[in-house]
Protein backbone atom coordinates (compact mmCIF):
# COMPACT_ATOMS: atom_id res chain seq x y z
CA UNK A 1 138.00 65.27 132.50
CA UNK A 2 136.12 68.20 134.01
CA UNK A 3 137.32 69.32 137.41
CA UNK A 4 140.54 70.48 138.62
CA UNK A 5 142.77 68.59 141.12
CA UNK A 6 142.00 69.97 144.60
CA UNK A 7 143.20 67.12 146.75
CA UNK A 8 145.53 64.23 146.93
CA UNK A 9 144.83 60.52 146.73
CA UNK A 10 146.39 60.29 150.29
CA UNK A 11 143.98 62.87 151.68
CA UNK A 12 140.89 61.37 150.10
CA UNK A 13 141.63 57.84 151.14
CA UNK A 14 142.55 59.07 154.84
CA UNK A 15 139.07 60.67 154.81
CA UNK A 16 137.41 57.50 153.53
CA UNK A 17 139.16 55.21 156.09
CA UNK A 18 138.07 57.61 158.89
CA UNK A 19 134.39 58.04 157.60
CA UNK A 20 134.16 54.29 157.25
CA UNK A 21 134.55 53.68 160.99
CA UNK A 22 136.71 50.64 159.89
CA UNK A 23 140.22 50.05 161.27
CA UNK A 24 143.17 50.06 158.78
CA UNK A 25 143.53 46.47 159.81
CA UNK A 26 140.02 45.52 158.78
CA UNK A 27 140.37 47.32 155.31
CA UNK A 28 143.75 45.57 155.01
CA UNK A 29 142.11 42.20 155.50
CA UNK A 30 139.23 43.01 153.05
CA UNK A 31 142.03 43.91 150.51
CA UNK A 32 144.28 40.82 151.35
CA UNK A 33 147.02 43.27 152.09
CA UNK A 34 149.05 44.23 155.22
CA UNK A 35 147.93 47.10 157.58
CA UNK A 36 151.27 48.64 156.61
CA UNK A 37 150.22 48.90 153.13
CA UNK A 38 147.04 50.78 154.05
CA UNK A 39 149.05 53.01 156.43
CA UNK A 40 151.39 53.79 153.53
CA UNK A 41 148.49 54.86 151.31
CA UNK A 42 147.12 57.01 154.11
CA UNK A 43 150.33 58.71 154.78
CA UNK A 44 151.18 59.08 151.16
CA UNK A 45 154.40 56.91 151.58
CA UNK A 46 153.13 54.59 148.73
CA UNK A 47 150.23 54.53 146.36
CA UNK A 48 148.34 51.50 145.18
CA UNK A 49 148.41 50.23 141.49
CA UNK A 50 145.56 51.19 139.30
CA UNK A 51 143.56 47.79 139.82
CA UNK A 52 143.36 48.70 143.59
CA UNK A 53 142.36 52.18 142.80
CA UNK A 54 139.21 50.84 140.96
CA UNK A 55 138.69 48.31 143.85
CA UNK A 56 138.94 51.07 146.47
CA UNK A 57 136.44 53.20 144.49
CA UNK A 58 134.00 50.31 144.40
CA UNK A 59 134.68 49.33 148.25
CA UNK A 60 134.01 52.91 149.42
CA UNK A 61 131.40 53.74 146.89
CA UNK A 62 133.04 56.83 145.43
CA UNK A 63 134.09 57.72 141.89
CA UNK A 64 137.63 57.15 140.76
CA UNK A 65 138.29 60.82 139.73
CA UNK A 66 137.16 62.10 143.20
CA UNK A 67 139.22 59.28 144.89
CA UNK A 68 142.24 60.62 142.79
CA UNK A 69 141.64 64.22 144.04
CA UNK A 70 139.68 65.89 141.37
CA UNK A 71 136.83 68.45 142.03
CA UNK A 72 134.14 66.15 140.78
CA UNK A 73 130.92 64.42 142.12
CA UNK A 74 132.02 62.20 145.03
CA UNK A 75 129.55 59.33 144.11
CA UNK A 76 129.08 57.85 140.67
CA UNK A 77 125.88 58.97 139.16
CA UNK A 78 125.47 61.57 141.86
CA UNK A 79 124.51 64.30 139.49
CA UNK A 80 121.13 62.58 139.16
CA UNK A 81 120.51 62.60 143.03
CA UNK A 82 118.60 65.35 144.94
CA UNK A 83 120.45 67.01 147.83
CA UNK A 84 118.51 64.81 150.35
CA UNK A 85 119.38 61.75 148.52
CA UNK A 86 123.06 62.67 148.62
CA UNK A 87 122.69 63.23 152.38
CA UNK A 88 121.13 59.94 152.94
CA UNK A 89 123.69 58.15 150.95
CA UNK A 90 126.37 59.85 152.86
CA UNK A 91 124.87 59.10 156.28
CA UNK A 92 124.17 55.61 155.30
CA UNK A 93 127.76 54.98 154.18
CA UNK A 94 129.04 56.56 157.42
CA UNK A 95 126.68 54.40 159.69
CA UNK A 96 127.57 51.24 161.58
CA UNK A 97 125.98 47.97 160.63
CA UNK A 98 123.24 48.28 163.26
CA UNK A 99 122.27 51.87 162.11
CA UNK A 100 122.18 50.67 158.32
CA UNK A 101 119.89 47.78 159.18
CA UNK A 102 117.69 50.09 161.39
CA UNK A 103 117.48 52.56 158.50
CA UNK A 104 116.59 49.96 155.94
CA UNK A 105 113.93 48.47 158.26
CA UNK A 106 112.48 51.96 158.45
CA UNK A 107 112.63 52.74 154.84
CA UNK A 108 111.30 49.51 153.57
CA UNK A 109 108.50 48.97 156.19
CA UNK A 110 104.88 49.18 154.88
CA UNK A 111 103.59 52.65 154.57
CA UNK A 112 100.85 52.16 157.08
CA UNK A 113 103.43 50.82 159.62
CA UNK A 114 105.47 53.97 159.17
CA UNK A 115 102.47 56.27 159.64
CA UNK A 116 101.49 54.26 162.83
CA UNK A 117 105.09 54.54 164.28
CA UNK A 118 105.35 58.05 163.57
CA UNK A 119 101.89 58.86 165.17
CA UNK A 120 102.96 56.87 168.20
């Protein structure tokens, strides 16, 4: 694996939980574990088993090596994205449901409608 280890799972999972805007209770509910389990991961008191690491990677949309603390691309297939696409993806993932819906509406609107709105 290319990239050196520059962080810990604990630091990365804490960062993802904070960025997601979700509570540890909500994440625990999504994974069918207790809030205390999530808290143990965030504080480094405990680490999840490998199947849960895979699930966390998918849940937060990050690469497993990045989640484990390696200096690699944060997102899968990120190497093919432009800087603007990376920024949009990061902003989208950090947005609440309302902002995501608005962004999707704006980006998928008919081009003529987008022009009209930008001129208004």
